[in-house]
PDB file of N, CA and C in Angstrom:
ATOM      1  N   MET A   1     -21.095  -5.779   7.235  1.00  0.00           N
ATOM      2  CA  MET A   1     -20.107  -6.529   6.209  1.00  0.00           C
ATOM      3  C   MET A   1     -18.448  -6.624   7.349  1.00  0.00           C
ATOM      4  N   VAL A   2     -18.347  -7.150   7.372  1.00  0.00           N
ATOM      5  CA  VAL A   2     -16.581  -7.596   8.554  1.00  0.00           C
ATOM      6  C   VAL A   2     -15.960  -7.507   7.272  1.00  0.00           C
ATOM      7  N   GLU A   3     -15.365  -6.615   7.321  1.00  0.00           N
ATOM      8  CA  GLU A   3     -13.703  -6.783   6.634  1.00  0.00           C
ATOM      9  C   GLU A   3     -12.743  -7.937   6.801  1.00  0.00           C
ATOM     10  N   SER A   4     -12.359  -8.221   5.880  1.00  0.00           N
ATOM     11  CA  SER A   4     -11.185  -9.640   6.180  1.00  0.00           C
ATOM     12  C   SER A   4     -10.048  -8.832   5.125  1.00  0.00           C
ATOM     13  N   THR A   5      -9.167  -9.684   5.027  1.00  0.00           N
ATOM     14  CA  THR A   5      -7.830  -9.932   4.055  1.00  0.00           C
ATOM     15  C   THR A   5      -8.387 -10.242   2.605  1.00  0.00           C
ATOM     16  N   ARG A   6      -9.763 -11.051   2.701  1.00  0.00           N
ATOM     17  CA  ARG A   6     -10.029 -11.545   1.388  1.00  0.00           C
ATOM     18  C   ARG A   6     -10.786 -10.119   0.243  1.00  0.00           C
ATOM     19  N   ASN A   7     -11.015  -9.500   1.143  1.00  0.00           N
ATOM     20  CA  ASN A   7     -12.168  -8.313   0.424  1.00  0.00           C
ATOM     21  C   ASN A   7     -11.558  -7.194   0.026  1.00  0.00           C
ATOM     22  N   ILE A   8     -10.513  -7.039   0.620  1.00  0.00           N
ATOM     23  CA  ILE A   8      -9.318  -5.911   0.246  1.00  0.00           C
ATOM     24  C   ILE A   8      -8.434  -5.575  -0.789  1.00  0.00           C
ATOM     25  N   MET A   9      -8.617  -4.481  -1.154  1.00  0.00           N
ATOM     26  CA  MET A   9      -7.292  -4.346  -2.138  1.00  0.00           C
ATOM     27  C   MET A   9      -6.416  -3.277  -1.399  1.00  0.00           C
ATOM     28  N   LEU A  10      -5.131  -3.063  -1.670  1.00  0.00           N
ATOM     29  CA  LEU A  10      -4.460  -1.709  -1.461  1.00  0.00           C
ATOM     30  C   LEU A  10      -4.283  -1.659  -2.360  1.00  0.00           C
ATOM     31  N   LYS A  11      -3.891  -0.122  -3.117  1.00  0.00           N
ATOM     32  CA  LYS A  11      -3.418   0.553  -4.311  1.00  0.00           C
ATOM     33  C   LYS A  11      -2.605   1.446  -3.448  1.00  0.00           C
ATOM     34  N   VAL A  12      -1.124   1.919  -4.434  1.00  0.00           N
ATOM     35  CA  VAL A  12      -0.792   3.047  -4.549  1.00  0.00           C
ATOM     36  C   VAL A  12      -1.357   3.998  -5.505  1.00  0.00           C
ATOM     37  N   ASP A  13      -1.798   5.561  -5.265  1.00  0.00           N
ATOM     38  CA  ASP A  13      -2.271   6.149  -6.477  1.00  0.00           C
ATOM     39  C   ASP A  13      -1.381   7.037  -6.708  1.00  0.00           C
ATOM     40  N   ASP A  14      -1.044   6.973  -8.101  1.00  0.00           N
ATOM     41  CA  ASP A  14       0.041   7.059  -8.297  1.00  0.00           C
ATOM     42  C   ASP A  14      -0.225   9.561  -9.002  1.00  0.00           C
ATOM     43  N   ASP A  15      -0.936   9.514  -8.714  1.00  0.00           N
ATOM     44  CA  ASP A  15      -1.573  11.071  -8.651  1.00  0.00           C
ATOM     45  C   ASP A  15      -1.170  11.282  -7.139  1.00  0.00           C
ATOM     46  N   LEU A  16      -0.872  10.716  -6.266  1.00  0.00           N
ATOM     47  CA  LEU A  16      -0.787  11.399  -4.818  1.00  0.00           C
ATOM     48  C   LEU A  16       0.630  11.304  -4.696  1.00  0.00           C
ATOM     49  N   CYS A  17       1.564   9.995  -5.205  1.00  0.00           N
ATOM     50  CA  CYS A  17       2.394   9.251  -4.215  1.00  0.00           C
ATOM     51  C   CYS A  17       3.677  10.212  -5.016  1.00  0.00           C
ATOM     52  N   GLN A  18       4.886  10.326  -4.436  1.00  0.00           N
ATOM     53  CA  GLN A  18       5.915  11.550  -4.705  1.00  0.00           C
ATOM     54  C   GLN A  18       7.205  10.525  -4.305  1.00  0.00           C
ATOM     55  N   ALA A  19       7.119   9.512  -4.788  1.00  0.00           N
ATOM     56  CA  ALA A  19       8.330   8.580  -4.237  1.00  0.00           C
ATOM     57  C   ALA A  19       9.367   9.111  -3.843  1.00  0.00           C
ATOM     58  N   CYS A  20       9.096   9.067  -2.611  1.00  0.00           N
ATOM     59  CA  CYS A  20       9.585   9.477  -1.820  1.00  0.00           C
ATOM     60  C   CYS A  20      11.129   8.178  -1.708  1.00  0.00           C
ATOM     61  N   LYS A  21      11.846   8.559  -1.552  1.00  0.00           N
ATOM     62  CA  LYS A  21      13.628   8.441  -1.405  1.00  0.00           C
ATOM     63  C   LYS A  21      13.041   7.210  -0.032  1.00  0.00           C
ATOM     64  N   LYS A  22      12.628   7.181   1.034  1.00  0.00           N
ATOM     65  CA  LYS A  22      12.480   6.843   2.320  1.00  0.00           C
ATOM     66  C   LYS A  22      10.808   6.402   2.447  1.00  0.00           C
ATOM     67  N   CYS A  23      10.174   5.284   1.459  1.00  0.00           N
ATOM     68  CA  CYS A  23       8.760   5.335   1.794  1.00  0.00           C
ATOM     69  C   CYS A  23       8.383   4.191   2.808  1.00  0.00           C
ATOM     70  N   PHE A  24       7.564   6.035   4.238  1.00  0.00           N
ATOM     71  CA  PHE A  24       7.379   5.536   5.004  1.00  0.00           C
ATOM     72  C   PHE A  24       6.163   4.097   5.144  1.00  0.00           C
ATOM     73  N   ALA A  25       5.111   3.979   4.187  1.00  0.00           N
ATOM     74  CA  ALA A  25       4.502   3.227   4.083  1.00  0.00           C
ATOM     75  C   ALA A  25       5.315   1.957   4.035  1.00  0.00           C
ATOM     76  N   ASN A  26       6.138   1.420   3.228  1.00  0.00           N
ATOM     77  CA  ASN A  26       7.055   0.427   2.943  1.00  0.00           C
ATOM     78  C   ASN A  26       7.123   0.758   4.068  1.00  0.00           C
ATOM     79  N   GLU A  27       8.166   1.407   5.021  1.00  0.00           N
ATOM     80  CA  GLU A  27       8.392   1.022   5.695  1.00  0.00           C
ATOM     81  C   GLU A  27       7.387   0.281   7.045  1.00  0.00           C
ATOM     82  N   ALA A  28       6.115   0.664   7.194  1.00  0.00           N
ATOM     83  CA  ALA A  28       5.473   0.193   8.162  1.00  0.00           C
ATOM     84  C   ALA A  28       4.767  -1.212   7.297  1.00  0.00           C
ATOM     85  N   CYS A  29       5.309  -2.371   6.439  1.00  0.00           N
ATOM     86  CA  CYS A  29       4.546  -3.244   5.763  1.00  0.00           C
ATOM     87  C   CYS A  29       5.193  -3.975   6.767  1.00  0.00           C
ATOM     88  N   LYS A  30       4.214  -4.887   7.027  1.00  0.00           N
ATOM     89  CA  LYS A  30       5.313  -5.890   8.078  1.00  0.00           C
ATOM     90  C   LYS A  30       5.432  -7.743   6.651  1.00  0.00           C
ATOM     91  N   GLY A  31       4.605  -7.090   5.578  1.00  0.00           N
ATOM     92  CA  GLY A  31       5.003  -7.945   4.808  1.00  0.00           C
ATOM     93  C   GLY A  31       5.886  -7.816   3.191  1.00  0.00           C
ATOM     94  N   LYS A  32       6.165  -6.545   3.751  1.00  0.00           N
ATOM     95  CA  LYS A  32       7.109  -5.884   2.535  1.00  0.00           C
ATOM     96  C   LYS A  32       6.911  -5.909   1.222  1.00  0.00           C
ATOM     97  N   ALA A  33       5.402  -5.633   1.066  1.00  0.00           N
ATOM     98  CA  ALA A  33       4.508  -5.696   0.008  1.00  0.00           C
ATOM     99  C   ALA A  33       5.081  -4.738  -0.927  1.00  0.00           C
ATOM    100  N   PHE A  34       5.380  -3.518  -0.805  1.00  0.00           N
ATOM    101  CA  PHE A  34       5.961  -2.268  -1.505  1.00  0.00           C
ATOM    102  C   PHE A  34       6.714  -3.103  -2.397  1.00  0.00           C
ATOM    103  N   ARG A  35       7.127  -2.243  -4.030  1.00  0.00           N
ATOM    104  CA  ARG A  35       7.833  -2.849  -4.853  1.00  0.00           C
ATOM    105  C   ARG A  35       8.047  -1.973  -5.522  1.00  0.00           C
ATOM    106  N   ARG A  36       9.287  -1.978  -5.958  1.00  0.00           N
ATOM    107  CA  ARG A  36       9.564  -0.585  -6.965  1.00  0.00           C
ATOM    108  C   ARG A  36      11.005  -1.678  -8.112  1.00  0.00           C
ATOM    109  N   PHE A  37      10.789  -1.052  -9.182  1.00  0.00           N
ATOM    110  CA  PHE A  37      11.826  -1.624  -9.941  1.00  0.00           C
ATOM    111  C   PHE A  37      13.049  -0.561  -9.941  1.00  0.00           C
ATOM    112  N   GLU A  38      12.617   1.029  -9.921  1.00  0.00           N
ATOM    113  CA  GLU A  38      13.793   1.698 -10.271  1.00  0.00           C
ATOM    114  C   GLU A  38      13.745   2.586  -8.689  1.00  0.00           C
ATOM    115  N   GLN A  39      14.185   3.053  -8.200  1.00  0.00           N
ATOM    116  CA  GLN A  39      14.001   4.365  -6.873  1.00  0.00           C
ATOM    117  C   GLN A  39      13.510   5.367  -7.415  1.00  0.00           C
ATOM    118  N   ASP A  40      13.273   6.201  -8.207  1.00  0.00           N
ATOM    119  CA  ASP A  40      12.829   6.982  -8.777  1.00  0.00           C
ATOM    120  C   ASP A  40      10.738   6.978  -9.357  1.00  0.00           C
ATOM    121  N   GLU A  41      11.057   5.812  -9.510  1.00  0.00           N
ATOM    122  CA  GLU A  41       9.444   5.500  -9.746  1.00  0.00           C
ATOM    123  C   GLU A  41       8.702   4.994  -8.173  1.00  0.00           C
ATOM    124  N   ASN A  42       7.466   5.584  -8.829  1.00  0.00           N
ATOM    125  CA  ASN A  42       5.938   4.812  -7.736  1.00  0.00           C
ATOM    126  C   ASN A  42       6.234   3.428  -7.236  1.00  0.00           C
ATOM    127  N   PRO A  43       6.064   3.293  -5.964  1.00  0.00           N
ATOM    128  CA  PRO A  43       6.260   1.667  -5.607  1.00  0.00           C
ATOM    129  C   PRO A  43       4.138   1.514  -6.070  1.00  0.00           C
ATOM    130  N   PHE A  44       4.433   0.150  -6.564  1.00  0.00           N
ATOM    131  CA  PHE A  44       3.054  -0.577  -6.062  1.00  0.00           C
ATOM    132  C   PHE A  44       2.836  -1.534  -5.415  1.00  0.00           C
ATOM    133  N   LEU A  45       1.741  -2.441  -4.910  1.00  0.00           N
ATOM    134  CA  LEU A  45       1.451  -3.485  -4.031  1.00  0.00           C
ATOM    135  C   LEU A  45       1.330  -4.684  -4.499  1.00  0.00           C
ATOM    136  N   ASP A  46       1.903  -5.413  -3.829  1.00  0.00           N
ATOM    137  CA  ASP A  46       1.967  -6.828  -4.556  1.00  0.00           C
ATOM    138  C   ASP A  46       1.428  -7.775  -3.405  1.00  0.00           C
ATOM    139  N   MET A  47      -0.216  -7.591  -3.461  1.00  0.00           N
ATOM    140  CA  MET A  47      -1.292  -8.143  -3.092  1.00  0.00           C
ATOM    141  C   MET A  47      -1.014  -9.574  -2.435  1.00  0.00           C
ATOM    142  N   SER A  48      -0.115  -9.936  -3.134  1.00  0.00           N
ATOM    143  CA  SER A  48       0.270 -11.806  -2.502  1.00  0.00           C
ATOM    144  C   SER A  48       0.659 -11.959  -1.437  1.00  0.00           C
ATOM    145  N   ARG A  49       1.321 -10.558  -1.047  1.00  0.00           N
ATOM    146  CA  ARG A  49       2.576  -9.935   0.366  1.00  0.00           C
ATOM    147  C   ARG A  49       2.005  -9.942   0.724  1.00  0.00           C
ATOM    148  N   CYS A  50       0.888  -9.144   1.305  1.00  0.00           N
ATOM    149  CA  CYS A  50      -0.016  -8.436   1.987  1.00  0.00           C
ATOM    150  C   CYS A  50      -0.453  -8.724   2.962  1.00  0.00           C
ATOM    151  N   TRP A  51      -0.778  -9.103   4.196  1.00  0.00           N
ATOM    152  CA  TRP A  51      -0.905  -9.342   5.742  1.00  0.00           C
ATOM    153  C   TRP A  51      -2.140  -9.080   5.485  1.00  0.00           C
ATOM    154  N   GLY A  52      -2.761  -7.169   5.144  1.00  0.00           N
ATOM    155  CA  GLY A  52      -3.943  -7.210   5.689  1.00  0.00           C
ATOM    156  C   GLY A  52      -4.072  -6.378   6.641  1.00  0.00           C
ATOM    157  N   CYS A  53      -2.720  -5.980   7.561  1.00  0.00           N
ATOM    158  CA  CYS A  53      -2.653  -5.272   8.802  1.00  0.00           C
ATOM    159  C   CYS A  53      -3.458  -3.671   8.576  1.00  0.00           C
ATOM    160  N   LEU A  54      -2.816  -3.061   7.528  1.00  0.00           N
ATOM    161  CA  LEU A  54      -3.535  -1.973   7.264  1.00  0.00           C
ATOM    162  C   LEU A  54      -2.371  -0.882   7.792  1.00  0.00           C
ATOM    163  N   ASP A  55      -1.318  -0.957   8.329  1.00  0.00           N
ATOM    164  CA  ASP A  55      -0.155   0.016   9.043  1.00  0.00           C
ATOM    165  C   ASP A  55       0.170   0.680   8.467  1.00  0.00           C
ATOM    166  N   CYS A  56       0.354   0.913   6.947  1.00  0.00           N
ATOM    167  CA  CYS A  56       0.780   1.218   5.204  1.00  0.00           C
ATOM    168  C   CYS A  56      -0.191   2.498   5.052  1.00  0.00           C
ATOM    169  N   ILE A  57      -1.377   2.340   5.579  1.00  0.00           N
ATOM    170  CA  ILE A  57      -2.037   3.621   5.093  1.00  0.00           C
ATOM    171  C   ILE A  57      -2.334   5.317   5.904  1.00  0.00           C
ATOM    172  N   PRO A  58      -1.765   5.238   7.343  1.00  0.00           N
ATOM    173  CA  PRO A  58      -1.914   6.127   7.759  1.00  0.00           C
ATOM    174  C   PRO A  58      -0.383   6.860   7.802  1.00  0.00           C
ATOM    175  N   VAL A  59       0.753   6.155   8.188  1.00  0.00           N
ATOM    176  CA  VAL A  59       1.751   6.033   7.613  1.00  0.00           C
ATOM    177  C   VAL A  59       2.403   7.166   6.574  1.00  0.00           C
ATOM    178  N   CYS A  60       1.448   7.088   4.916  1.00  0.00           N
ATOM    179  CA  CYS A  60       1.596   8.079   4.184  1.00  0.00           C
ATOM    180  C   CYS A  60       1.711   9.707   4.497  1.00  0.00           C
ATOM    181  N   PRO A  61       2.466  10.655   4.209  1.00  0.00           N
ATOM    182  CA  PRO A  61       1.870  11.211   4.572  1.00  0.00           C
ATOM    183  C   PRO A  61       1.488  12.333   3.494  1.00  0.00           C
ATOM    184  N   PHE A  62       1.390  11.519   1.629  1.00  0.00           N
ATOM    185  CA  PHE A  62       0.365  12.208   1.402  1.00  0.00           C
ATOM    186  C   PHE A  62      -1.133  11.063   0.702  1.00  0.00           C
ATOM    187  N   LYS A  63      -0.831  10.490   2.135  1.00  0.00           N
ATOM    188  CA  LYS A  63      -1.887   9.475   1.253  1.00  0.00           C
ATOM    189  C   LYS A  63      -2.270   9.274   0.313  1.00  0.00           C
ATOM    190  N   ALA A  64      -1.354   8.531  -0.360  1.00  0.00           N
ATOM    191  CA  ALA A  64      -1.495   7.461  -1.494  1.00  0.00           C
ATOM    192  C   ALA A  64      -1.816   6.284  -1.144  1.00  0.00           C
ATOM    193  N   VAL A  65      -1.560   5.349  -0.442  1.00  0.00           N
ATOM    194  CA  VAL A  65      -1.854   4.071  -0.056  1.00  0.00           C
ATOM    195  C   VAL A  65      -3.725   4.234   0.071  1.00  0.00           C
ATOM    196  N   VAL A  66      -4.765   4.042  -0.652  1.00  0.00           N
ATOM    197  CA  VAL A  66      -5.880   3.735  -0.631  1.00  0.00           C
ATOM    198  C   VAL A  66      -6.526   2.287  -0.473  1.00  0.00           C
ATOM    199  N   ARG A  67      -7.286   2.579  -0.015  1.00  0.00           N
ATOM    200  CA  ARG A  67      -7.489   0.993   0.640  1.00  0.00           C
ATOM    201  C   ARG A  67      -9.431   0.554  -0.875  1.00  0.00           C
ATOM    202  N   HIS A  68      -8.965   0.010  -1.364  1.00  0.00           N
ATOM    203  CA  HIS A  68     -11.309  -0.743  -2.007  1.00  0.00           C
ATOM    204  C   HIS A  68     -11.183  -1.894  -1.335  1.00  0.00           C
ATOM    205  N   LEU A  69     -12.523  -1.581  -0.575  1.00  0.00           N
ATOM    206  CA  LEU A  69     -13.556  -2.664  -0.478  1.00  0.00           C
ATOM    207  C   LEU A  69     -14.121  -3.379  -1.956  1.00  0.00           C
ATOM    208  N   TYR A  70     -14.186  -5.157  -2.230  1.00  0.00           N
ATOM    209  CA  TYR A  70     -15.026  -5.834  -2.669  1.00  0.00           C
ATOM    210  C   TYR A  70     -16.094  -6.350  -2.358  1.00  0.00           C
ATOM    211  N   LYS A  71     -16.845  -5.818  -1.935  1.00  0.00           N
ATOM    212  CA  LYS A  71     -18.005  -7.466  -2.309  1.00  0.00           C
ATOM    213  C   LYS A  71     -18.371  -8.000  -2.451  1.00  0.00           C
ATOM    214  N   LYS A  72     -19.212  -8.927  -1.647  1.00  0.00           N
ATOM    215  CA  LYS A  72     -19.076 -10.431  -2.250  1.00  0.00           C
ATOM    216  C   LYS A  72     -20.800 -10.456  -2.650  1.00  0.00           C
TER     217      LYS A  72
END
């Protein structure tokens, strides 16, 4: 099965996320899909802004950005 941005969902695992002041995943995100309401809380991903490049996954030192595939 070929992956596309339509069958990928990215999430921030709240158990792994350390709410870093400088979020490396956010820095790597071309679409700026990571959002926070307060600086000290975990970010969440706005998938409507995600470009599907997956550059955010390998840069998080805590492996908190996880990918889920949805089968059609």
